[in-house]
Amino acid sequence: METANRLIRGLDRLLNLVMILALSVILFYAGYALWDSYMVLNKANVSSEVMHFKPDKSDAFNPSLTELQNINTDVCAWVTVDDTNIDYPVLQGDNNSKYLNIDIYGDYSLGGSVFLDYRNNKDFSDQYSLIYGHHMAGGMMFGDLEKFTEQSYFDEHQTGWLYLPGEIFKLEIIAFLEVDAYTSLLFNLPLESGGWGALAAHIQQDATYLRGAELTEEDRIVALSTCAEGTTNGRSIIVAKMIETEPAGGEP
């Protein structure tokens, strides 16, 4: 009988030990997951050091872009969508994979960088330019584009800014689209002969939300694209007209 009791007590202690070890493993992985999520969001956010170089609307020369180019020669612009978390330098690599997981300093980052399609001209002189950014939690990177699925959010957010070396463009947001990355004309670059008309028709006919006059040959537009939630190839995109501005010592 005593032997049986000792065996039961031994098994009980062993079971308790196994449960403690299992709980420790669960707590460890839970803590790691929280730390990992924090690091991902922290990397996706623009550091205060980089924000120091955000261009000034009152100065079209934008010397801060030159300073950013001293950090990374692939910096070509800075894009902002008013009253959102979209406020980032724009880089351009020699392909569309380079900055998927690389930050402005050339270091690995799950959030990567906001970048211009490699097929576009770096100076945004194309009639149509396409900028990509990851859909990150907390509205980081281009996560806020998902909010444009709501009509009220689209109606309330109509403007942004594109800063280039020597130029400032106001962005007038004219459309929001939910498209497939493999079928939408928005990803067909460079535009071929007659491509502008087809692209303009696609935007105006297939937009989830649309405002303003029809696009003309004189317009220049820029699109901001990110992955859409709950889909494999879906993309959420806003399209904006580029309106050149004249800085005058204050708001252009």
Protein backbone atom coordinates (compact mmCIF):
# COMPACT_ATOMS: atom_id res chain seq x y z
CA MET A 1 0.00 0.00 0.00
CA GLU A 2 2.84 2.39 0.91
CA THR A 3 4.54 1.61 -2.39
CA ALA A 4 1.37 2.46 -4.27
CA ASN A 5 1.02 5.78 -2.40
CA ARG A 6 4.61 6.70 -3.17
CA LEU A 7 4.00 5.90 -6.84
CA ILE A 8 0.86 8.07 -6.88
CA ARG A 9 2.70 10.95 -5.21
CA GLY A 10 5.55 10.61 -7.69
CA LEU A 11 3.19 10.66 -10.65
CA ASP A 12 1.42 13.69 -9.16
CA ARG A 13 4.71 15.58 -8.83
CA LEU A 14 5.65 14.59 -12.39
CA LEU A 15 2.28 15.80 -13.69
CA ASN A 16 2.69 19.10 -11.86
CA LEU A 17 6.16 19.51 -13.32
CA VAL A 18 4.89 18.83 -16.84
CA MET A 19 2.09 21.36 -16.36
CA ILE A 20 4.54 23.98 -15.07
CA LEU A 21 6.85 23.39 -18.03
CA ALA A 22 3.94 23.59 -20.48
CA LEU A 23 2.70 26.81 -18.90
CA SER A 24 6.20 28.27 -19.02
CA VAL A 25 6.47 27.47 -22.73
CA ILE A 26 3.07 29.07 -23.40
CA LEU A 27 4.03 32.20 -21.45
CA PHE A 28 7.38 32.38 -23.25
CA TYR A 29 5.79 32.22 -26.70
CA ALA A 30 3.05 34.66 -25.72
CA GLY A 31 5.69 37.11 -24.53
CA TYR A 32 7.72 36.58 -27.69
CA ALA A 33 4.63 37.17 -29.86
CA LEU A 34 3.93 40.45 -28.06
CA TRP A 35 7.57 41.53 -28.41
CA ASP A 36 7.62 40.53 -32.08
CA SER A 37 4.40 42.47 -32.79
CA TYR A 38 5.85 45.52 -31.05
CA MET A 39 9.06 45.31 -33.07
CA VAL A 40 7.14 44.94 -36.35
CA LEU A 41 5.00 48.01 -35.61
CA ASN A 42 8.00 49.95 -34.35
CA LYS A 43 9.92 49.18 -37.54
CA ALA A 44 6.90 50.08 -39.70
CA ASN A 45 6.65 53.48 -38.07
CA VAL A 46 8.88 56.28 -39.31
CA SER A 47 11.55 56.95 -36.73
CA SER A 48 11.82 60.41 -35.22
CA GLU A 49 15.25 60.61 -36.86
CA VAL A 50 13.72 60.17 -40.33
CA MET A 51 10.74 62.42 -39.56
CA HIS A 52 13.28 65.16 -38.88
CA PHE A 53 13.88 65.17 -42.65
CA LYS A 54 10.23 65.56 -43.66
CA PRO A 55 10.10 68.36 -46.27
CA ASP A 56 8.70 71.79 -45.48
CA LYS A 57 5.75 72.97 -47.59
CA SER A 58 7.18 76.50 -47.60
CA ASP A 59 10.37 75.46 -49.38
CA ALA A 60 10.06 73.88 -52.83
CA PHE A 61 13.81 73.21 -52.88
CA ASN A 62 13.25 70.64 -50.12
CA PRO A 63 16.83 70.41 -48.84
CA SER A 64 15.75 67.69 -46.41
CA LEU A 65 15.19 65.34 -49.37
CA THR A 66 18.81 65.91 -50.34
CA GLU A 67 19.81 64.98 -46.80
CA LEU A 68 17.73 61.81 -47.02
CA GLN A 69 19.40 61.01 -50.35
CA ASN A 70 22.73 61.25 -48.53
CA ILE A 71 21.44 58.40 -46.34
CA ASN A 72 20.07 56.43 -49.31
CA THR A 73 20.40 57.51 -52.94
CA ASP A 74 17.19 55.61 -53.77
CA VAL A 75 15.06 58.24 -51.95
CA CYS A 76 13.03 60.05 -54.60
CA ALA A 77 10.12 61.72 -52.77
CA TRP A 78 8.04 62.05 -49.64
CA VAL A 79 4.31 61.28 -49.66
CA THR A 80 1.67 62.37 -47.15
CA VAL A 81 -2.09 61.78 -47.02
CA ASP A 82 -3.64 64.41 -44.76
CA ASP A 83 -5.08 63.27 -41.43
CA THR A 84 -3.80 59.70 -41.82
CA ASN A 85 -0.70 57.76 -40.76
CA ILE A 86 0.56 57.84 -44.37
CA ASP A 87 3.59 60.11 -44.05
CA TYR A 88 6.72 58.46 -45.47
CA PRO A 89 9.78 58.89 -47.65
CA VAL A 90 9.46 57.15 -51.02
CA LEU A 91 12.29 55.03 -52.40
CA GLN A 92 12.80 53.37 -55.76
CA GLY A 93 14.87 50.25 -56.38
CA ASP A 94 15.84 48.55 -59.61
CA ASN A 95 13.00 46.06 -59.04
CA ASN A 96 9.81 45.87 -56.97
CA SER A 97 11.25 43.40 -54.47
CA LYS A 98 14.19 45.37 -53.12
CA TYR A 99 12.32 47.43 -50.53
CA LEU A 100 9.67 44.91 -49.54
CA ASN A 101 11.66 44.13 -46.37
CA ILE A 102 14.43 46.75 -46.37
CA ASP A 103 14.25 50.12 -44.61
CA ILE A 104 15.74 53.44 -45.67
CA TYR A 105 19.03 52.53 -43.96
CA GLY A 106 19.36 49.28 -45.91
CA ASP A 107 18.55 47.16 -42.85
CA TYR A 108 16.08 44.27 -42.76
CA SER A 109 12.60 45.36 -41.70
CA LEU A 110 9.41 43.31 -41.98
CA GLY A 111 7.52 46.52 -42.81
CA GLY A 112 10.00 47.41 -45.55
CA SER A 113 9.72 50.84 -47.16
CA VAL A 114 7.22 52.79 -49.20
CA PHE A 115 8.50 52.61 -52.78
CA LEU A 116 7.82 53.78 -56.33
CA ASP A 117 7.36 51.17 -59.06
CA TYR A 118 10.75 50.61 -60.70
CA ARG A 119 9.19 51.10 -64.15
CA ASN A 120 8.21 54.69 -63.35
CA ASN A 121 10.46 57.70 -63.84
CA LYS A 122 12.06 58.65 -60.53
CA ASP A 123 11.03 62.29 -60.93
CA PHE A 124 7.30 61.41 -61.23
CA SER A 125 7.21 62.89 -64.74
CA ASP A 126 5.09 59.98 -65.99
CA GLN A 127 1.43 60.60 -66.61
CA TYR A 128 0.78 57.77 -64.15
CA SER A 129 2.97 56.79 -61.17
CA LEU A 130 2.41 53.89 -58.76
CA ILE A 131 3.56 53.77 -55.10
CA TYR A 132 3.46 50.64 -52.94
CA GLY A 133 3.36 50.16 -49.17
CA HIS A 134 2.66 47.21 -46.87
CA HIS A 135 -0.71 46.92 -45.14
CA MET A 136 0.49 46.99 -41.53
CA ALA A 137 -1.54 46.77 -38.31
CA GLY A 138 -2.27 49.94 -36.40
CA GLY A 139 -2.54 51.96 -39.60
CA MET A 140 1.22 51.89 -40.16
CA MET A 141 2.73 52.11 -43.64
CA PHE A 142 -0.30 52.00 -45.99
CA GLY A 143 -2.61 50.31 -43.48
CA ASP A 144 -4.89 53.35 -43.46
CA LEU A 145 -5.83 52.77 -47.10
CA GLU A 146 -8.22 50.08 -45.86
CA LYS A 147 -10.24 52.81 -44.13
CA PHE A 148 -11.16 54.24 -47.55
CA THR A 149 -13.56 51.32 -47.96
CA GLU A 150 -15.95 53.46 -45.90
CA GLN A 151 -17.74 56.14 -47.94
CA SER A 152 -17.56 58.60 -45.04
CA TYR A 153 -13.78 58.18 -44.73
CA PHE A 154 -13.33 58.69 -48.47
CA ASP A 155 -15.50 61.81 -48.32
CA GLU A 156 -13.54 63.25 -45.37
CA HIS A 157 -10.03 62.57 -46.72
CA GLN A 158 -9.54 64.34 -49.99
CA THR A 159 -5.97 65.68 -50.03
CA GLY A 160 -2.32 64.84 -49.57
CA TRP A 161 1.14 66.05 -50.61
CA LEU A 162 3.97 64.78 -52.78
CA TYR A 163 7.36 66.38 -52.17
CA LEU A 164 10.04 66.09 -54.84
CA PRO A 165 13.46 67.74 -55.11
CA GLY A 166 12.57 71.25 -56.28
CA GLU A 167 8.81 70.62 -56.55
CA ILE A 168 5.74 70.26 -54.36
CA PHE A 169 2.49 68.74 -55.59
CA LYS A 170 -0.83 68.81 -53.83
CA LEU A 171 -2.62 65.49 -54.18
CA GLU A 172 -6.35 65.65 -54.86
CA ILE A 173 -7.73 62.18 -54.10
CA ILE A 174 -10.29 61.36 -56.79
CA ALA A 175 -10.93 57.63 -56.46
CA PHE A 176 -10.74 54.53 -54.30
CA LEU A 177 -10.63 51.11 -55.93
CA GLU A 178 -10.59 47.49 -54.75
CA VAL A 179 -8.95 45.46 -57.51
CA ASP A 180 -7.09 42.26 -58.34
CA ALA A 181 -3.36 42.80 -58.73
CA TYR A 182 -3.19 40.43 -61.71
CA THR A 183 -6.05 41.85 -63.75
CA SER A 184 -6.22 45.56 -62.97
CA LEU A 185 -4.84 48.02 -65.55
CA LEU A 186 -3.44 49.99 -62.61
CA PHE A 187 -0.47 47.61 -62.50
CA ASN A 188 0.30 47.69 -66.25
CA LEU A 189 3.44 49.81 -66.50
CA PRO A 190 4.80 51.54 -68.42
CA LEU A 191 1.70 52.90 -70.15
CA GLU A 192 1.65 51.91 -73.79
CA SER A 193 0.20 53.90 -76.67
CA GLY A 194 -3.47 54.43 -75.89
CA GLY A 195 -2.91 53.11 -72.39
CA TRP A 196 -3.88 56.37 -70.70
CA GLY A 197 -7.40 56.27 -72.11
CA ALA A 198 -7.90 52.67 -71.00
CA LEU A 199 -6.49 53.42 -67.55
CA ALA A 200 -8.66 56.52 -67.10
CA ALA A 201 -11.76 54.57 -68.17
CA HIS A 202 -10.88 51.74 -65.77
CA ILE A 203 -10.56 54.17 -62.84
CA GLN A 204 -13.79 55.99 -63.63
CA GLN A 205 -15.85 52.87 -64.36
CA ASP A 206 -14.56 50.48 -61.69
CA ALA A 207 -13.91 52.82 -58.75
CA THR A 208 -15.66 51.96 -55.51
CA TYR A 209 -15.87 55.70 -54.85
CA LEU A 210 -15.22 58.52 -57.31
CA ARG A 211 -15.36 62.30 -57.24
CA GLY A 212 -14.42 65.22 -59.45
CA ALA A 213 -14.30 65.76 -63.20
CA GLU A 214 -13.21 63.15 -65.74
CA LEU A 215 -9.49 62.56 -66.24
CA THR A 216 -7.96 64.27 -69.26
CA GLU A 217 -4.72 63.91 -71.23
CA GLU A 218 -3.36 66.94 -69.35
CA ASP A 219 -3.72 65.26 -65.94
CA ARG A 220 -0.94 63.55 -64.05
CA ILE A 221 -1.98 61.03 -61.42
CA VAL A 222 -0.38 58.94 -58.69
CA ALA A 223 -1.80 55.79 -57.10
CA LEU A 224 -1.06 54.41 -53.62
CA SER A 225 -1.51 50.64 -53.40
CA THR A 226 -1.54 48.08 -50.57
CA CYS A 227 -2.80 44.54 -49.96
CA ALA A 228 -6.51 44.25 -49.15
CA GLU A 229 -7.63 42.32 -46.07
CA GLY A 230 -9.03 38.83 -46.52
CA THR A 231 -7.81 38.30 -50.09
CA THR A 232 -4.74 36.82 -51.75
CA ASN A 233 -4.36 39.10 -54.75
CA GLY A 234 -6.71 41.92 -53.73
CA ARG A 235 -5.40 45.47 -53.54
CA SER A 236 -6.79 48.67 -52.02
CA ILE A 237 -5.82 51.75 -54.01
CA ILE A 238 -6.39 55.48 -53.86
CA VAL A 239 -5.80 57.57 -56.97
CA ALA A 240 -4.92 61.26 -56.78
CA LYS A 241 -4.30 64.06 -59.26
CA MET A 242 -0.95 65.82 -58.92
CA ILE A 243 -1.47 69.59 -58.69
CA GLU A 244 1.70 71.67 -58.87
CA THR A 245 1.93 74.38 -56.21
CA GLU A 246 3.76 77.63 -55.66
CA PRO A 247 5.28 77.91 -52.16
CA ALA A 248 4.97 81.40 -50.69
CA GLY A 249 6.64 81.28 -47.32
CA GLY A 250 3.80 79.26 -45.83
CA GLU A 251 1.14 76.78 -46.90
CA PRO A 252 1.31 76.37 -50.71
